[in-house]
């Protein structure tokens, strides 16, 4: 249970830091102020968005690896068939 509390503490700190950074950028761009109680929700949404982007990139990478694997398997089968044909009938 201590591990989960420590993990949540780290995530909460990261969310606060990320949210604070995003709020400062928004306040620098817009003349109106943003309420301070928006820091944590904005940070959590940013962390979730980053996690989803990483998951999507990982998913695409996995499909690339699978596609390359199939290409290599089919190439190996093609080479084996070509080698058998070049030897002629047994």
Protein backbone atom coordinates (compact mmCIF):
# COMPACT_ATOMS: atom_id res chain seq x y z
CA UNK A 1 0.00 0.00 0.00
CA UNK A 2 2.93 2.33 0.65
CA UNK A 3 4.01 1.87 -2.95
CA UNK A 4 0.63 3.03 -4.25
CA UNK A 5 0.65 6.06 -1.95
CA UNK A 6 4.15 6.96 -3.10
CA UNK A 7 3.17 6.49 -6.73
CA UNK A 8 0.07 8.64 -6.32
CA UNK A 9 2.14 11.29 -4.55
CA UNK A 10 4.59 11.41 -7.45
CA UNK A 11 1.75 11.58 -9.98
CA UNK A 12 0.01 14.32 -7.99
CA UNK A 13 3.24 16.33 -7.88
CA UNK A 14 3.72 15.86 -11.62
CA UNK A 15 0.12 16.89 -12.27
CA UNK A 16 0.51 20.01 -10.11
CA UNK A 17 3.75 20.99 -11.84
CA UNK A 18 2.36 20.33 -15.32
CA UNK A 19 -0.90 22.11 -14.57
CA UNK A 20 0.96 25.09 -13.11
CA UNK A 21 3.14 25.32 -16.20
CA UNK A 22 0.12 25.14 -18.55
CA UNK A 23 -1.79 27.73 -16.50
CA UNK A 24 1.22 30.10 -16.60
CA UNK A 25 1.42 29.73 -20.39
CA UNK A 26 -2.32 30.42 -20.74
CA UNK A 27 -2.10 33.45 -18.44
CA UNK A 28 0.84 34.77 -20.48
CA UNK A 29 -1.21 34.48 -23.68
CA UNK A 30 -4.59 35.66 -22.38
CA UNK A 31 -5.31 38.81 -20.40
CA UNK A 32 -7.79 37.16 -18.01
CA UNK A 33 -6.55 35.17 -15.03
CA UNK A 34 -7.23 31.47 -14.56
CA UNK A 35 -8.50 30.28 -11.15
CA UNK A 36 -5.81 28.53 -9.08
CA UNK A 37 -8.11 25.58 -8.39
CA UNK A 38 -7.78 24.65 -12.07
CA UNK A 39 -4.10 23.70 -11.74
CA UNK A 40 -4.61 20.09 -10.61
CA UNK A 41 -7.42 19.21 -13.09
CA UNK A 42 -5.48 20.72 -16.00
CA UNK A 43 -2.36 18.83 -14.89
CA UNK A 44 -4.18 15.51 -14.59
CA UNK A 45 -5.73 15.99 -18.05
CA UNK A 46 -2.30 16.79 -19.46
CA UNK A 47 -0.80 13.65 -17.88
CA UNK A 48 -3.66 11.51 -19.21
CA UNK A 49 -3.25 13.04 -22.67
CA UNK A 50 0.48 12.32 -22.60
CA UNK A 51 -0.17 8.74 -21.49
CA UNK A 52 -2.66 8.22 -24.30
CA UNK A 53 -0.21 9.64 -26.84
CA UNK A 54 2.49 7.27 -25.61
CA UNK A 55 0.09 4.32 -25.70
CA UNK A 56 -0.96 5.17 -29.23
CA UNK A 57 2.67 5.46 -30.34
CA UNK A 58 3.41 2.11 -28.71
CA UNK A 59 0.45 0.55 -30.45
CA UNK A 60 1.62 1.83 -33.83
CA UNK A 61 5.13 0.58 -33.12
CA UNK A 62 3.74 -2.85 -32.26
CA UNK A 63 1.86 -2.99 -35.59
CA UNK A 64 5.03 -2.01 -37.44
CA UNK A 65 6.95 -4.81 -35.71
CA UNK A 66 4.20 -7.32 -36.55
CA UNK A 67 4.10 -6.18 -40.20
CA UNK A 68 7.89 -6.43 -40.54
CA UNK A 69 7.74 -9.88 -38.95
CA UNK A 70 5.18 -11.09 -41.48
CA UNK A 71 7.22 -9.66 -44.36
CA UNK A 72 10.31 -11.48 -43.12
CA UNK A 73 8.41 -14.77 -42.67
CA UNK A 74 6.90 -14.52 -46.16
CA UNK A 75 10.33 -13.66 -47.62
CA UNK A 76 11.83 -16.71 -45.91
CA UNK A 77 9.07 -18.94 -47.29
CA UNK A 78 9.60 -17.44 -50.74
CA UNK A 79 13.33 -18.08 -50.55
CA UNK A 80 12.75 -21.69 -49.45
CA UNK A 81 10.32 -22.28 -52.31
CA UNK A 82 12.67 -20.65 -54.84
CA UNK A 83 15.59 -22.75 -53.60
CA UNK A 84 13.51 -25.94 -53.91
CA UNK A 85 12.47 -25.06 -57.45
CA UNK A 86 16.04 -24.25 -58.49
CA UNK A 87 17.17 -27.76 -57.48
CA UNK A 88 14.60 -29.33 -59.76
CA UNK A 89 12.45 -32.41 -59.12
CA UNK A 90 13.66 -34.79 -56.46
